């Protein structure tokens, strides 16, 4: 593959062009994960650019999570796959988000505390129309106004997460749920307390680039996608809720345990 050539007549800044050139070398494997990045002096000589241009280009790659620096050792190509958390897919969204350390195993607490969200960031409960995609999963008409709970934090799986729970109107009526009951409680846990476990269903996984709002909430570097997992919770044939979870794509590997045939 021919080396990327910088176009000094282009309106695109040189540092962005250099970042694109180095990004291409990483993606094509000529700068594999873990290897030392070329020194600033070598890059200056190779591409005939200033030190400021090199540093700006490296800054772009660091922001994207492609390069990391070690004090006294220089810069290295980062291997995001090596740092990914292996998260069991069926655990995502069913556990309450939290911030801070997990509770001590075996700690004694009341039933109420067991289901209370500890420091959930941005806990919001509201009624909004469902999107066409969620309407399909929830099995309601597009635009139906339903109860939604949203929160960001650290799931007990250890993953930074944004989670939304879309509650089916039939399930809300069956549970005789009052909105004030959701203050500080994770909706799936509250449904269990009311006898609607909704443990049957299926998972749907998508990958996409985050919206600016989602990117800010999860503190994602530029160019990092999100994994979107939709868990459809059912009680027999009736959809109870859809749990929508968003996780950083560069730091998460979803694991789906295989089920033996005949089970």
Protein backbone atom coordinates (compact mmCIF):
# COMPACT_ATOMS: atom_id res chain seq x y z
CA UNK A 1 0.00 0.00 0.00
CA UNK A 2 1.42 3.40 -0.99
CA UNK A 3 2.21 5.81 1.77
CA UNK A 4 -0.37 8.47 2.45
CA UNK A 5 0.68 11.78 0.82
CA UNK A 6 -0.10 15.08 2.54
CA UNK A 7 -1.75 17.66 0.28
CA UNK A 8 -0.43 21.09 1.17
CA UNK A 9 -2.91 22.72 -1.20
CA UNK A 10 -5.88 21.25 0.62
CA UNK A 11 -8.13 23.23 2.93
CA UNK A 12 -7.86 20.38 5.45
CA UNK A 13 -5.25 21.21 8.14
CA UNK A 14 -1.97 19.32 7.86
CA UNK A 15 -2.30 17.83 11.33
CA UNK A 16 -5.66 16.29 10.37
CA UNK A 17 -4.11 14.86 7.20
CA UNK A 18 -1.21 13.47 9.22
CA UNK A 19 -3.64 11.94 11.72
CA UNK A 20 -5.45 10.29 8.79
CA UNK A 21 -2.14 8.94 7.45
CA UNK A 22 -1.16 7.45 10.80
CA UNK A 23 -4.68 6.12 11.34
CA UNK A 24 -4.38 4.33 7.99
CA UNK A 25 -1.08 2.75 9.05
CA UNK A 26 -2.72 1.50 12.26
CA UNK A 27 -5.79 0.11 10.47
CA UNK A 28 -3.66 -1.64 7.82
CA UNK A 29 -1.51 -3.27 10.49
CA UNK A 30 1.74 -1.50 9.63
CA UNK A 31 1.60 -0.04 13.14
CA UNK A 32 0.19 -3.00 15.10
CA UNK A 33 -1.11 -2.75 18.70
CA UNK A 34 1.56 -2.58 21.36
CA UNK A 35 4.41 -1.35 19.16
CA UNK A 36 6.23 1.87 19.90
CA UNK A 37 4.97 4.75 17.81
CA UNK A 38 7.54 6.48 15.55
CA UNK A 39 9.27 9.34 17.35
CA UNK A 40 8.30 12.94 16.69
CA UNK A 41 11.63 13.47 14.92
CA UNK A 42 11.03 10.52 12.56
CA UNK A 43 7.50 11.66 11.75
CA UNK A 44 8.74 15.21 11.10
CA UNK A 45 11.35 13.89 8.66
CA UNK A 46 9.03 11.36 7.00
CA UNK A 47 6.17 13.77 6.33
CA UNK A 48 8.13 17.06 6.22
CA UNK A 49 6.03 18.73 8.89
CA UNK A 50 6.70 20.69 12.05
CA UNK A 51 6.82 19.31 15.57
CA UNK A 52 3.58 21.19 16.36
CA UNK A 53 1.83 19.40 13.47
CA UNK A 54 3.05 16.01 14.71
CA UNK A 55 1.92 16.69 18.27
CA UNK A 56 -1.50 17.88 17.11
CA UNK A 57 -1.94 14.75 15.00
CA UNK A 58 -0.95 12.52 17.92
CA UNK A 59 -3.43 14.43 20.06
CA UNK A 60 -6.21 13.49 17.63
CA UNK A 61 -5.24 9.80 17.74
CA UNK A 62 -5.04 9.85 21.54
CA UNK A 63 -8.50 11.38 21.73
CA UNK A 64 -9.78 8.60 19.47
CA UNK A 65 -8.23 6.03 21.78
CA UNK A 66 -5.79 4.71 19.14
CA UNK A 67 -2.57 5.88 20.79
CA UNK A 68 -1.48 6.08 24.42
CA UNK A 69 1.61 7.60 26.02
CA UNK A 70 3.74 6.20 28.81
CA UNK A 71 5.90 8.61 30.76
CA UNK A 72 9.54 8.11 29.85
CA UNK A 73 8.77 5.44 27.24
CA UNK A 74 7.05 7.33 24.44
CA UNK A 75 3.79 6.59 22.62
CA UNK A 76 2.33 3.21 21.71
CA UNK A 77 -0.46 1.93 19.50
CA UNK A 78 -3.28 1.02 21.85
CA UNK A 79 -5.07 -2.31 21.58
CA UNK A 80 -8.63 -1.55 22.72
CA UNK A 81 -9.67 -5.19 22.34
CA UNK A 82 -7.17 -6.23 25.00
CA UNK A 83 -8.83 -3.85 27.46
CA UNK A 84 -12.43 -4.73 26.70
CA UNK A 85 -14.58 -5.99 29.53
CA UNK A 86 -16.21 -9.32 28.80
CA UNK A 87 -19.78 -8.69 29.83
CA UNK A 88 -22.35 -11.48 29.87
CA UNK A 89 -25.14 -10.15 27.70
CA UNK A 90 -27.97 -11.55 29.80
CA UNK A 91 -26.71 -9.55 32.80
CA UNK A 92 -26.84 -6.20 31.00
CA UNK A 93 -29.78 -3.99 31.91
CA UNK A 94 -31.28 -6.40 34.43
CA UNK A 95 -28.97 -5.17 37.18
CA UNK A 96 -29.38 -1.74 38.66
CA UNK A 97 -26.84 0.88 37.56
CA UNK A 98 -24.72 2.24 40.39
CA UNK A 99 -21.78 4.53 41.03
CA UNK A 100 -18.86 3.78 43.30
CA UNK A 101 -17.76 0.42 44.70
CA UNK A 102 -20.12 -2.54 44.65
CA UNK A 103 -21.78 -3.55 47.89
CA UNK A 104 -19.95 -6.11 49.99
CA UNK A 105 -21.00 -9.68 49.11
CA UNK A 106 -23.33 -11.05 51.74
CA UNK A 107 -23.98 -7.65 53.28
CA UNK A 108 -27.17 -7.64 55.29
CA UNK A 109 -29.76 -5.12 54.26
CA UNK A 110 -33.50 -4.77 54.08
CA UNK A 111 -35.51 -5.76 51.01
CA UNK A 112 -36.09 -2.07 50.35
CA UNK A 113 -32.37 -1.25 50.34
CA UNK A 114 -31.62 -4.27 48.18
CA UNK A 115 -33.61 -2.74 45.35
CA UNK A 116 -32.75 0.91 45.91
CA UNK A 117 -30.46 2.60 43.42
CA UNK A 118 -27.28 3.79 45.09
CA UNK A 119 -26.24 7.12 43.62
CA UNK A 120 -27.75 6.64 40.16
CA UNK A 121 -26.67 9.57 37.98
CA UNK A 122 -29.36 11.38 36.06
CA UNK A 123 -32.25 9.21 37.25
CA UNK A 124 -35.16 10.46 35.16
CA UNK A 125 -38.70 9.10 34.95
CA UNK A 126 -41.06 10.58 32.38
CA UNK A 127 -43.74 9.78 29.83
CA UNK A 128 -42.72 10.12 26.19
CA UNK A 129 -43.79 8.68 22.81
CA UNK A 130 -41.96 5.52 21.77
CA UNK A 131 -39.76 5.54 18.68
CA UNK A 132 -40.82 3.28 15.79
CA UNK A 133 -38.08 0.78 16.67
CA UNK A 134 -38.99 0.59 20.36
CA UNK A 135 -42.70 0.44 19.40
CA UNK A 136 -41.94 -2.69 17.34
CA UNK A 137 -40.13 -4.32 20.26
CA UNK A 138 -42.68 -3.22 22.85
CA UNK A 139 -45.56 -4.26 20.55
CA UNK A 140 -47.43 -0.98 20.76
CA UNK A 141 -48.43 1.53 18.09
CA UNK A 142 -45.69 4.01 17.05
CA UNK A 143 -46.01 7.22 19.03
CA UNK A 144 -47.70 5.56 22.02
CA UNK A 145 -46.86 7.50 25.18
CA UNK A 146 -45.33 5.18 27.79
CA UNK A 147 -43.54 5.44 31.11
CA UNK A 148 -39.75 5.58 30.65
CA UNK A 149 -36.96 5.52 33.23
CA UNK A 150 -33.42 6.54 32.27
CA UNK A 151 -30.16 6.54 34.18
CA UNK A 152 -26.40 6.53 33.65
CA UNK A 153 -23.77 5.02 35.88
CA UNK A 154 -21.79 1.84 36.38
CA UNK A 155 -23.68 -1.42 35.96
CA UNK A 156 -22.85 -4.20 38.41
CA UNK A 157 -21.13 -5.86 35.46
CA UNK A 158 -18.54 -3.06 35.77
CA UNK A 159 -19.47 -1.34 32.51
CA UNK A 160 -20.22 2.35 32.07
CA UNK A 161 -23.79 2.35 30.85
CA UNK A 162 -26.79 4.39 29.83
CA UNK A 163 -30.00 2.44 30.39
CA UNK A 164 -33.63 3.16 29.58
CA UNK A 165 -36.63 1.07 30.56
CA UNK A 166 -39.77 1.40 28.43
CA UNK A 167 -42.79 0.04 30.31
CA UNK A 168 -45.75 -1.44 28.45
CA UNK A 169 -49.04 0.28 29.45
CA UNK A 170 -50.66 -3.11 30.15
CA UNK A 171 -47.83 -4.03 32.54
CA UNK A 172 -48.07 -0.64 34.25
CA UNK A 173 -51.78 -1.15 34.81
CA UNK A 174 -51.33 -4.73 35.98
CA UNK A 175 -48.65 -3.70 38.48
CA UNK A 176 -50.76 -0.73 39.62
CA UNK A 177 -47.58 1.27 39.45
CA UNK A 178 -47.46 4.85 40.68
CA UNK A 179 -44.75 7.17 39.33
CA UNK A 180 -43.79 8.31 42.82
CA UNK A 181 -42.82 4.71 43.63
CA UNK A 182 -39.96 4.98 41.12
CA UNK A 183 -38.10 7.69 43.01
CA UNK A 184 -34.69 6.11 43.61
CA UNK A 185 -35.72 2.64 42.44
CA UNK A 186 -34.73 0.75 39.30
CA UNK A 187 -37.92 -0.11 37.41
CA UNK A 188 -37.10 -3.79 36.61
CA UNK A 189 -36.48 -4.42 40.33
CA UNK A 190 -39.74 -2.73 41.27
CA UNK A 191 -41.61 -4.89 38.76
CA UNK A 192 -40.16 -8.00 40.42
CA UNK A 193 -41.42 -6.81 43.78
CA UNK A 194 -44.87 -6.44 42.23
CA UNK A 195 -44.84 -9.94 40.78
CA UNK A 196 -43.93 -9.13 37.17
CA UNK A 197 -40.48 -10.69 36.71
CA UNK A 198 -40.66 -10.72 32.91
CA UNK A 199 -37.79 -13.19 32.66
CA UNK A 200 -38.71 -14.56 29.24
CA UNK A 201 -37.89 -12.71 26.04
CA UNK A 202 -35.04 -12.04 23.63
CA UNK A 203 -32.05 -9.76 23.14
CA UNK A 204 -31.37 -7.56 20.12
CA UNK A 205 -27.89 -6.04 19.64
CA UNK A 206 -26.97 -3.13 17.37
CA UNK A 207 -23.87 -0.98 16.92
CA UNK A 208 -23.94 2.67 15.89
CA UNK A 209 -22.15 5.96 16.32
CA UNK A 210 -23.40 7.86 19.38
CA UNK A 211 -25.42 11.03 19.29
CA UNK A 212 -23.63 14.09 20.76
CA UNK A 213 -25.82 13.72 23.88
CA UNK A 214 -24.90 10.05 24.36
CA UNK A 215 -21.24 10.73 23.61
CA UNK A 216 -21.17 13.33 26.40
CA UNK A 217 -23.03 11.11 28.88
CA UNK A 218 -20.63 8.19 28.42
CA UNK A 219 -17.54 10.41 27.97
CA UNK A 220 -16.67 8.67 24.70
CA UNK A 221 -13.60 9.64 22.63
CA UNK A 222 -14.15 10.70 19.03
CA UNK A 223 -14.82 7.84 16.63
CA UNK A 224 -15.92 5.31 19.27
CA UNK A 225 -19.23 3.51 18.55
CA UNK A 226 -21.71 2.27 21.11
CA UNK A 227 -23.20 -1.18 21.52
CA UNK A 228 -26.95 -1.03 21.94
CA UNK A 229 -28.63 -3.99 23.60
CA UNK A 230 -32.41 -4.18 23.72
CA UNK A 231 -33.80 -6.76 26.13
CA UNK A 232 -37.46 -7.57 25.52
CA UNK A 233 -38.93 -8.79 28.81
CA UNK A 234 -42.05 -10.95 28.58
CA UNK A 235 -44.49 -12.70 30.84
CA UNK A 236 -45.66 -15.54 28.62
CA UNK A 237 -46.84 -13.79 25.41
CA UNK A 238 -47.26 -10.33 26.92
CA UNK A 239 -44.38 -7.85 26.60
CA UNK A 240 -43.70 -6.30 30.00
CA UNK A 241 -40.89 -3.87 29.20
CA UNK A 242 -37.99 -3.14 26.89
CA UNK A 243 -34.65 -2.44 28.59
CA UNK A 244 -32.41 -0.38 26.30
CA UNK A 245 -28.72 -0.34 27.28
CA UNK A 246 -25.86 1.60 25.65
CA UNK A 247 -22.25 0.61 26.32
CA UNK A 248 -18.90 1.91 24.96
CA UNK A 249 -18.02 -0.18 21.91
CA UNK A 250 -14.27 0.10 22.44
CA UNK A 251 -14.35 -1.20 26.00
CA UNK A 252 -17.10 -3.83 25.93
CA UNK A 253 -17.34 -7.33 24.50
CA UNK A 254 -20.79 -8.87 24.88
CA UNK A 255 -20.69 -12.60 25.64
CA UNK A 256 -23.70 -14.79 24.85
CA UNK A 257 -23.53 -18.18 26.63
CA UNK A 258 -24.38 -21.07 24.33
CA UNK A 259 -27.46 -23.08 25.23
CA UNK A 260 -27.19 -26.83 24.48
CA UNK A 261 -29.60 -28.13 21.87
CA UNK A 262 -32.78 -29.53 23.30
CA UNK A 263 -32.96 -27.01 26.15
